[in-house]
Each structure stands twice: as C-alpha cells, then as structure tokens.
C-alpha cells in the first residue's frame, strides 16, 4: 500500500492568457487533485451588472466585481480541506486592481492618461490588498507561476494590453517574494508543464500526460460553447 500524498494547496498563478485554466484542468485530470476556481469577471458581470461590458464599468463597479470574485474563491477553497489546485489566487484580484492604477482603468497598448482611475481607487485597492494578501499567505502552500509565453487572445472580453500583462506578471512575482510564499516558475507546452509539476511535488498520476491534456481541451471547449 502506497503512502498518501500530503495535502497540498497549490495555486497556479499567471496573468491573462498564460494557460492557467487549461493547465489546472489538465493537472486535476492527471493527478486526481480537485481543481477550484472563481468565475471570470465577465461571468460575474452578467449577474452583478447585467447588460454592461467590462470596458463600460467604473472603478467602483470593478471593485465590486473583484470582491465578488474573491468571495467565491474563498468559499470554494474552504470546501476542499484535503488540498486543491487553484486556478489563480486571491493575489490576482489585488494585482489586477493595482495595475489598473498604473495602466488605466481599461488599459490599452496606447496609454491614455485620461483613463486613469480616480484618486481614491488606489487607496481602496491597497486596503483590499491587505485582506487578499493575508488570505494568500494563509490559504496556499505553494505557487506554480506560469510566465507570459503565449499571445493575448483577442476575444473582446479582456480589456487589457501586453503592457498590462507584463506589469501584472512582474507584480505577481514581487508580491510572492514580499509574502515569502514559495513558488516555481514553470513554462513550456501544457504537457511539459504537467511533467514538471508532477516531478516537483512528487504527485501521483492516473493517466498519460497526453490524455490529461486532451481532456482539458475538451472541457475548455465545452465551457466556451456554453458561454
């Protein structure tokens, strides 16, 4: 009889379009560790502010969406006492709010100073950040950080830019350093990422890497079709 794998609370980190969702779904299929996540801002928006697009939201409305997303994330994590793979983390809500202070409330590659959020926004975001950072320190044992390797998907649902992604990636990593949360930077193809993560943590596998990736692509395609 093999010894059980120690419970681990692993957060998969990375900014927009780094493959967090596909990677965590594939890892969950591969290892059997449950995956947890919060709905995207776009999904939350449909319930919280029906009829609005993200780029139409004001700074207070974006804060509302961020709080809702964090609440969902914390509730889902609390139900998985035996460990989990988290698609993103509470740090993402903090980082995306903070970078919007620097890159504009709805950033594009052509920065427009008039798009800067109101003065109160950074103070509010920093106060939220204290809560979100404390949660990250308590809720996650380790991070797997996915660097920016793939292009930004132009799907009309991500009002961000390559500059925003670079700034977010840097702030995610410096925040992990600040909080002294251990993390591993893992790049490459999805299969290469899975192999690296399994090797780092000594995780059990219950199928081939290729099959886990195929299942992840099927899951993401099914979700996209329902959106």
C-alpha atoms as a PDB file:
ATOM      1  CA  UNK A   1       0.000   0.000   0.000  1.00  0.00           C
ATOM      2  CA  UNK A   2       1.464   3.371  -1.021  1.00  0.00           C
ATOM      3  CA  UNK A   3       1.605   6.286   1.364  1.00  0.00           C
ATOM      4  CA  UNK A   4      -0.934   9.017   0.713  1.00  0.00           C
ATOM      5  CA  UNK A   5       0.361  12.217  -0.863  1.00  0.00           C
ATOM      6  CA  UNK A   6       0.492  15.038   1.722  1.00  0.00           C
ATOM      7  CA  UNK A   7      -2.317  17.549   1.356  1.00  0.00           C
ATOM      8  CA  UNK A   8      -1.116  20.480  -0.701  1.00  0.00           C
ATOM      9  CA  UNK A   9      -2.854  23.679  -1.534  1.00  0.00           C
ATOM     10  CA  UNK A  10      -1.294  24.630  -4.853  1.00  0.00           C
ATOM     11  CA  UNK A  11      -2.180  27.891  -6.610  1.00  0.00           C
ATOM     12  CA  UNK A  12      -1.450  28.161 -10.317  1.00  0.00           C
ATOM     13  CA  UNK A  13      -0.512  31.760 -10.960  1.00  0.00           C
ATOM     14  CA  UNK A  14      -0.091  33.884 -14.081  1.00  0.00           C
ATOM     15  CA  UNK A  15      -1.668  36.810 -15.836  1.00  0.00           C
ATOM     16  CA  UNK A  16      -4.179  36.800 -18.715  1.00  0.00           C
ATOM     17  CA  UNK A  17      -3.694  34.159 -21.449  1.00  0.00           C
ATOM     18  CA  UNK A  18      -0.871  32.233 -19.787  1.00  0.00           C
ATOM     19  CA  UNK A  19      -2.864  28.991 -19.767  1.00  0.00           C
ATOM     20  CA  UNK A  20      -3.865  28.801 -16.094  1.00  0.00           C
ATOM     21  CA  UNK A  21      -7.242  27.247 -16.776  1.00  0.00           C
ATOM     22  CA  UNK A  22      -6.073  24.600 -19.243  1.00  0.00           C
ATOM     23  CA  UNK A  23      -3.100  23.752 -17.035  1.00  0.00           C
ATOM     24  CA  UNK A  24      -5.138  23.356 -13.839  1.00  0.00           C
ATOM     25  CA  UNK A  25      -7.857  21.315 -15.562  1.00  0.00           C
ATOM     26  CA  UNK A  26      -5.231  19.005 -17.074  1.00  0.00           C
ATOM     27  CA  UNK A  27      -3.434  18.678 -13.721  1.00  0.00           C
ATOM     28  CA  UNK A  28      -6.697  17.800 -11.993  1.00  0.00           C
ATOM     29  CA  UNK A  29      -7.391  15.052 -14.553  1.00  0.00           C
ATOM     30  CA  UNK A  30      -3.812  13.817 -14.352  1.00  0.00           C
ATOM     31  CA  UNK A  31      -3.453  13.680 -10.559  1.00  0.00           C
ATOM     32  CA  UNK A  32      -6.991  13.484  -9.194  1.00  0.00           C
ATOM     33  CA  UNK A  33      -6.412  16.565  -7.031  1.00  0.00           C
ATOM     34  CA  UNK A  34      -9.598  18.683  -7.113  1.00  0.00           C
ATOM     35  CA  UNK A  35      -9.461  21.947  -9.006  1.00  0.00           C
ATOM     36  CA  UNK A  36     -11.007  25.114  -7.621  1.00  0.00           C
ATOM     37  CA  UNK A  37     -11.576  28.498  -9.204  1.00  0.00           C
ATOM     38  CA  UNK A  38     -13.725  31.601  -9.209  1.00  0.00           C
ATOM     39  CA  UNK A  39     -15.867  32.726 -12.108  1.00  0.00           C
ATOM     40  CA  UNK A  40     -14.290  35.177 -14.513  1.00  0.00           C
ATOM     41  CA  UNK A  41     -15.083  38.866 -14.194  1.00  0.00           C
ATOM     42  CA  UNK A  42     -17.140  38.587 -17.380  1.00  0.00           C
ATOM     43  CA  UNK A  43     -19.217  35.754 -15.893  1.00  0.00           C
ATOM     44  CA  UNK A  44     -19.759  37.630 -12.633  1.00  0.00           C
ATOM     45  CA  UNK A  45     -20.633  40.769 -14.568  1.00  0.00           C
ATOM     46  CA  UNK A  46     -23.672  39.117 -16.141  1.00  0.00           C
ATOM     47  CA  UNK A  47     -25.200  38.620 -12.683  1.00  0.00           C
ATOM     48  CA  UNK A  48     -23.908  41.693 -10.871  1.00  0.00           C
ATOM     49  CA  UNK A  49     -24.310  44.329 -13.569  1.00  0.00           C
ATOM     50  CA  UNK A  50     -26.447  42.826 -16.344  1.00  0.00           C
ATOM     51  CA  UNK A  51     -26.199  44.494 -19.722  1.00  0.00           C
ATOM     52  CA  UNK A  52     -22.777  46.044 -19.096  1.00  0.00           C
ATOM     53  CA  UNK A  53     -19.438  45.228 -20.738  1.00  0.00           C
ATOM     54  CA  UNK A  54     -16.251  45.221 -18.669  1.00  0.00           C
ATOM     55  CA  UNK A  55     -14.897  48.250 -20.517  1.00  0.00           C
ATOM     56  CA  UNK A  56     -18.041  50.148 -19.529  1.00  0.00           C
ATOM     57  CA  UNK A  57     -17.559  49.532 -15.800  1.00  0.00           C
ATOM     58  CA  UNK A  58     -16.490  52.342 -13.484  1.00  0.00           C
ATOM     59  CA  UNK A  59     -13.764  51.991 -10.859  1.00  0.00           C
ATOM     60  CA  UNK A  60     -16.283  51.315  -8.038  1.00  0.00           C
ATOM     61  CA  UNK A  61     -18.003  48.682 -10.183  1.00  0.00           C
ATOM     62  CA  UNK A  62     -14.687  46.922 -10.880  1.00  0.00           C
ATOM     63  CA  UNK A  63     -14.033  46.857  -7.137  1.00  0.00           C
ATOM     64  CA  UNK A  64     -17.467  45.278  -6.652  1.00  0.00           C
ATOM     65  CA  UNK A  65     -16.614  42.559  -9.191  1.00  0.00           C
ATOM     66  CA  UNK A  66     -13.235  41.928  -7.552  1.00  0.00           C
ATOM     67  CA  UNK A  67     -14.814  41.477  -4.114  1.00  0.00           C
ATOM     68  CA  UNK A  68     -17.390  39.070  -5.557  1.00  0.00           C
ATOM     69  CA  UNK A  69     -14.645  37.069  -7.248  1.00  0.00           C
ATOM     70  CA  UNK A  70     -12.568  36.852  -4.088  1.00  0.00           C
ATOM     71  CA  UNK A  71     -15.620  35.765  -2.053  1.00  0.00           C
ATOM     72  CA  UNK A  72     -16.390  32.944  -4.483  1.00  0.00           C
ATOM     73  CA  UNK A  73     -12.757  31.849  -4.470  1.00  0.00           C
ATOM     74  CA  UNK A  74     -12.510  31.736  -0.680  1.00  0.00           C
ATOM     75  CA  UNK A  75     -15.781  29.812  -0.310  1.00  0.00           C
ATOM     76  CA  UNK A  76     -14.755  27.191  -2.878  1.00  0.00           C
ATOM     77  CA  UNK A  77     -11.320  26.730  -1.284  1.00  0.00           C
ATOM     78  CA  UNK A  78     -12.845  26.309   2.178  1.00  0.00           C
ATOM     79  CA  UNK A  79     -14.717  23.210   0.990  1.00  0.00           C
ATOM     80  CA  UNK A  80     -11.523  21.375  -0.004  1.00  0.00           C
ATOM     81  CA  UNK A  81      -9.749  20.654   3.268  1.00  0.00           C
ATOM     82  CA  UNK A  82      -7.802  17.788   1.686  1.00  0.00           C
ATOM     83  CA  UNK A  83      -5.936  20.036  -0.724  1.00  0.00           C
ATOM     84  CA  UNK A  84      -6.616  21.584  -4.117  1.00  0.00           C
ATOM     85  CA  UNK A  85      -5.300  23.057  -7.338  1.00  0.00           C
ATOM     86  CA  UNK A  86      -6.427  26.670  -7.567  1.00  0.00           C
ATOM     87  CA  UNK A  87      -6.860  28.328 -10.962  1.00  0.00           C
ATOM     88  CA  UNK A  88      -5.469  31.710  -9.937  1.00  0.00           C
ATOM     89  CA  UNK A  89      -5.452  33.058  -6.393  1.00  0.00           C
ATOM     90  CA  UNK A  90      -6.619  35.913  -4.216  1.00  0.00           C
ATOM     91  CA  UNK A  91      -3.463  37.774  -5.266  1.00  0.00           C
ATOM     92  CA  UNK A  92      -4.885  38.105  -8.770  1.00  0.00           C
ATOM     93  CA  UNK A  93      -7.732  40.323  -7.595  1.00  0.00           C
ATOM     94  CA  UNK A  94      -5.196  42.570  -5.843  1.00  0.00           C
ATOM     95  CA  UNK A  95      -2.728  42.651  -8.733  1.00  0.00           C
ATOM     96  CA  UNK A  96      -5.290  43.424 -11.434  1.00  0.00           C
ATOM     97  CA  UNK A  97      -6.722  46.276  -9.361  1.00  0.00           C
ATOM     98  CA  UNK A  98      -3.274  47.673  -8.579  1.00  0.00           C
ATOM     99  CA  UNK A  99      -2.069  47.538 -12.176  1.00  0.00           C
ATOM    100  CA  UNK A 100      -5.170  49.402 -13.313  1.00  0.00           C
ATOM    101  CA  UNK A 101      -3.975  52.290 -11.152  1.00  0.00           C
ATOM    102  CA  UNK A 102      -0.787  52.389 -13.212  1.00  0.00           C
ATOM    103  CA  UNK A 103      -2.040  51.372 -16.657  1.00  0.00           C
ATOM    104  CA  UNK A 104      -5.507  52.926 -16.732  1.00  0.00           C
ATOM    105  CA  UNK A 105      -8.872  51.637 -15.629  1.00  0.00           C
ATOM    106  CA  UNK A 106      -9.395  49.965 -19.026  1.00  0.00           C
ATOM    107  CA  UNK A 107      -5.820  49.670 -20.304  1.00  0.00           C
ATOM    108  CA  UNK A 108      -4.807  49.500 -23.936  1.00  0.00           C
ATOM    109  CA  UNK A 109      -1.396  49.471 -25.556  1.00  0.00           C
ATOM    110  CA  UNK A 110      -1.828  53.166 -26.344  1.00  0.00           C
ATOM    111  CA  UNK A 111      -1.956  54.533 -22.770  1.00  0.00           C
ATOM    112  CA  UNK A 112      -4.383  57.388 -22.273  1.00  0.00           C
ATOM    113  CA  UNK A 113      -3.721  59.436 -19.136  1.00  0.00           C
ATOM    114  CA  UNK A 114      -7.368  60.476 -19.062  1.00  0.00           C
ATOM    115  CA  UNK A 115      -8.259  56.817 -18.464  1.00  0.00           C
ATOM    116  CA  UNK A 116      -6.560  56.848 -15.059  1.00  0.00           C
ATOM    117  CA  UNK A 117      -8.891  55.793 -12.225  1.00  0.00           C
ATOM    118  CA  UNK A 118      -9.984  58.371  -9.643  1.00  0.00           C
ATOM    119  CA  UNK A 119      -7.604  59.220  -6.801  1.00  0.00           C
ATOM    120  CA  UNK A 120      -9.490  57.171  -4.219  1.00  0.00           C
ATOM    121  CA  UNK A 121      -9.117  53.989  -6.263  1.00  0.00           C
ATOM    122  CA  UNK A 122      -5.522  53.173  -5.317  1.00  0.00           C
ATOM    123  CA  UNK A 123      -6.222  53.712  -1.612  1.00  0.00           C
ATOM    124  CA  UNK A 124      -9.211  51.376  -1.765  1.00  0.00           C
ATOM    125  CA  UNK A 125      -7.291  48.774  -3.774  1.00  0.00           C
ATOM    126  CA  UNK A 126      -4.399  48.855  -1.303  1.00  0.00           C
ATOM    127  CA  UNK A 127      -6.809  48.357   1.611  1.00  0.00           C
ATOM    128  CA  UNK A 128      -8.369  45.394  -0.201  1.00  0.00           C
ATOM    129  CA  UNK A 129      -4.875  44.165  -0.937  1.00  0.00           C
ATOM    130  CA  UNK A 130      -4.118  43.774   2.764  1.00  0.00           C
ATOM    131  CA  UNK A 131      -7.005  41.296   3.048  1.00  0.00           C
ATOM    132  CA  UNK A 132      -6.199  39.479  -0.192  1.00  0.00           C
ATOM    133  CA  UNK A 133      -2.513  39.112   0.671  1.00  0.00           C
ATOM    134  CA  UNK A 134      -3.336  37.792   4.129  1.00  0.00           C
ATOM    135  CA  UNK A 135      -5.632  35.217   2.539  1.00  0.00           C
ATOM    136  CA  UNK A 136      -2.902  34.165   0.104  1.00  0.00           C
ATOM    137  CA  UNK A 137      -0.394  33.670   2.900  1.00  0.00           C
ATOM    138  CA  UNK A 138      -2.840  31.516   4.867  1.00  0.00           C
ATOM    139  CA  UNK A 139      -4.620  29.644   2.059  1.00  0.00           C
ATOM    140  CA  UNK A 140      -1.815  28.451  -0.259  1.00  0.00           C
ATOM    141  CA  UNK A 141       1.221  26.305   0.499  1.00  0.00           C
ATOM    142  CA  UNK A 142       2.983  26.964  -2.780  1.00  0.00           C
ATOM    143  CA  UNK A 143       2.503  28.620  -6.162  1.00  0.00           C
ATOM    144  CA  UNK A 144       3.202  27.392  -9.671  1.00  0.00           C
ATOM    145  CA  UNK A 145       3.759  30.536 -11.713  1.00  0.00           C
ATOM    146  CA  UNK A 146       3.191  30.467 -15.474  1.00  0.00           C
ATOM    147  CA  UNK A 147       5.213  33.123 -17.325  1.00  0.00           C
ATOM    148  CA  UNK A 148       3.930  35.112 -20.295  1.00  0.00           C
ATOM    149  CA  UNK A 149       4.701  32.831 -23.244  1.00  0.00           C
ATOM    150  CA  UNK A 150       1.564  32.982 -25.408  1.00  0.00           C
ATOM    151  CA  UNK A 151      -0.039  35.895 -27.217  1.00  0.00           C
ATOM    152  CA  UNK A 152      -3.030  37.763 -25.829  1.00  0.00           C
ATOM    153  CA  UNK A 153      -6.282  36.297 -27.146  1.00  0.00           C
ATOM    154  CA  UNK A 154      -8.399  38.924 -28.895  1.00  0.00           C
ATOM    155  CA  UNK A 155     -11.846  37.732 -27.865  1.00  0.00           C
ATOM    156  CA  UNK A 156     -13.423  41.038 -26.922  1.00  0.00           C
ATOM    157  CA  UNK A 157     -13.697  40.028 -23.254  1.00  0.00           C
ATOM    158  CA  UNK A 158     -10.280  41.121 -21.968  1.00  0.00           C
ATOM    159  CA  UNK A 159      -9.923  44.917 -21.931  1.00  0.00           C
ATOM    160  CA  UNK A 160      -6.171  44.640 -21.271  1.00  0.00           C
ATOM    161  CA  UNK A 161      -2.916  45.041 -23.173  1.00  0.00           C
ATOM    162  CA  UNK A 162       0.506  43.425 -23.467  1.00  0.00           C
ATOM    163  CA  UNK A 163       1.829  46.185 -21.202  1.00  0.00           C
ATOM    164  CA  UNK A 164      -0.835  45.321 -18.644  1.00  0.00           C
ATOM    165  CA  UNK A 165       0.195  41.651 -18.818  1.00  0.00           C
ATOM    166  CA  UNK A 166       3.886  42.427 -18.312  1.00  0.00           C
ATOM    167  CA  UNK A 167       3.151  44.696 -15.373  1.00  0.00           C
ATOM    168  CA  UNK A 168       0.799  42.121 -13.825  1.00  0.00           C
ATOM    169  CA  UNK A 169       3.332  39.316 -14.219  1.00  0.00           C
ATOM    170  CA  UNK A 170       6.017  41.378 -12.502  1.00  0.00           C
ATOM    171  CA  UNK A 171       3.725  42.418  -9.636  1.00  0.00           C
ATOM    172  CA  UNK A 172       2.519  38.838  -9.079  1.00  0.00           C
ATOM    173  CA  UNK A 173       6.096  37.637  -8.666  1.00  0.00           C
ATOM    174  CA  UNK A 174       7.220  40.532  -6.467  1.00  0.00           C
ATOM    175  CA  UNK A 175       4.121  40.016  -4.295  1.00  0.00           C
ATOM    176  CA  UNK A 176       5.024  36.352  -3.807  1.00  0.00           C
ATOM    177  CA  UNK A 177       8.547  37.411  -2.846  1.00  0.00           C
ATOM    178  CA  UNK A 178       7.167  40.016  -0.430  1.00  0.00           C
ATOM    179  CA  UNK A 179       4.880  37.464   1.225  1.00  0.00           C
ATOM    180  CA  UNK A 180       7.623  34.815   1.291  1.00  0.00           C
ATOM    181  CA  UNK A 181       5.314  32.279  -0.358  1.00  0.00           C
ATOM    182  CA  UNK A 182       7.389  29.666  -2.195  1.00  0.00           C
ATOM    183  CA  UNK A 183       6.820  29.423  -5.943  1.00  0.00           C
ATOM    184  CA  UNK A 184       8.157  27.655  -9.001  1.00  0.00           C
ATOM    185  CA  UNK A 185       8.188  29.239 -12.461  1.00  0.00           C
ATOM    186  CA  UNK A 186       7.024  26.554 -14.898  1.00  0.00           C
ATOM    187  CA  UNK A 187       6.918  27.144 -18.652  1.00  0.00           C
ATOM    188  CA  UNK A 188       6.722  25.208 -21.879  1.00  0.00           C
ATOM    189  CA  UNK A 189       3.882  23.323 -23.514  1.00  0.00           C
ATOM    190  CA  UNK A 190       0.993  22.092 -21.394  1.00  0.00           C
ATOM    191  CA  UNK A 191       2.473  18.582 -21.348  1.00  0.00           C
ATOM    192  CA  UNK A 192       5.868  19.951 -20.318  1.00  0.00           C
ATOM    193  CA  UNK A 193       4.234  21.933 -17.532  1.00  0.00           C
ATOM    194  CA  UNK A 194       2.389  18.876 -16.238  1.00  0.00           C
ATOM    195  CA  UNK A 195       5.555  16.788 -16.235  1.00  0.00           C
ATOM    196  CA  UNK A 196       7.460  19.494 -14.359  1.00  0.00           C
ATOM    197  CA  UNK A 197       4.765  19.998 -11.708  1.00  0.00           C
ATOM    198  CA  UNK A 198       4.405  16.252 -11.124  1.00  0.00           C
ATOM    199  CA  UNK A 199       8.180  15.983 -10.740  1.00  0.00           C
ATOM    200  CA  UNK A 200       8.493  18.984  -8.383  1.00  0.00           C
ATOM    201  CA  UNK A 201       5.832  17.773  -5.960  1.00  0.00           C
ATOM    202  CA  UNK A 202       6.088  14.013  -6.470  1.00  0.00           C
ATOM    203  CA  UNK A 203       2.408  13.826  -7.380  1.00  0.00           C
ATOM    204  CA  UNK A 204       0.733  10.571  -8.384  1.00  0.00           C
ATOM    205  CA  UNK A 205      -0.628  10.230 -11.917  1.00  0.00           C
ATOM    206  CA  UNK A 206      -3.590   8.197 -13.094  1.00  0.00           C
ATOM    207  CA  UNK A 207      -3.360   8.617 -16.871  1.00  0.00           C
ATOM    208  CA  UNK A 208      -0.923   9.717 -19.539  1.00  0.00           C
ATOM    209  CA  UNK A 209       0.044  13.358 -19.942  1.00  0.00           C
ATOM    210  CA  UNK A 210      -1.410  13.406 -23.451  1.00  0.00           C
ATOM    211  CA  UNK A 211      -4.768  12.058 -22.297  1.00  0.00           C
ATOM    212  CA  UNK A 212      -4.970  14.620 -19.477  1.00  0.00           C
ATOM    213  CA  UNK A 213      -4.283  17.432 -21.957  1.00  0.00           C
ATOM    214  CA  UNK A 214      -6.904  16.098 -24.389  1.00  0.00           C
ATOM    215  CA  UNK A 215      -9.493  16.016 -21.598  1.00  0.00           C
ATOM    216  CA  UNK A 216      -8.593  19.571 -20.586  1.00  0.00           C
ATOM    217  CA  UNK A 217      -9.086  20.846 -24.134  1.00  0.00           C
ATOM    218  CA  UNK A 218     -12.426  19.039 -24.323  1.00  0.00           C
ATOM    219  CA  UNK A 219     -13.518  20.644 -21.047  1.00  0.00           C
ATOM    220  CA  UNK A 220     -12.490  24.163 -22.089  1.00  0.00           C
ATOM    221  CA  UNK A 221     -14.168  23.765 -25.485  1.00  0.00           C
ATOM    222  CA  UNK A 222     -17.391  22.599 -23.803  1.00  0.00           C
ATOM    223  CA  UNK A 223     -17.302  25.576 -21.417  1.00  0.00           C
ATOM    224  CA  UNK A 224     -16.691  28.022 -24.258  1.00  0.00           C
ATOM    225  CA  UNK A 225     -19.635  26.587 -26.205  1.00  0.00           C
ATOM    226  CA  UNK A 226     -21.925  27.213 -23.226  1.00  0.00           C
ATOM    227  CA  UNK A 227     -20.725  30.781 -22.688  1.00  0.00           C
END
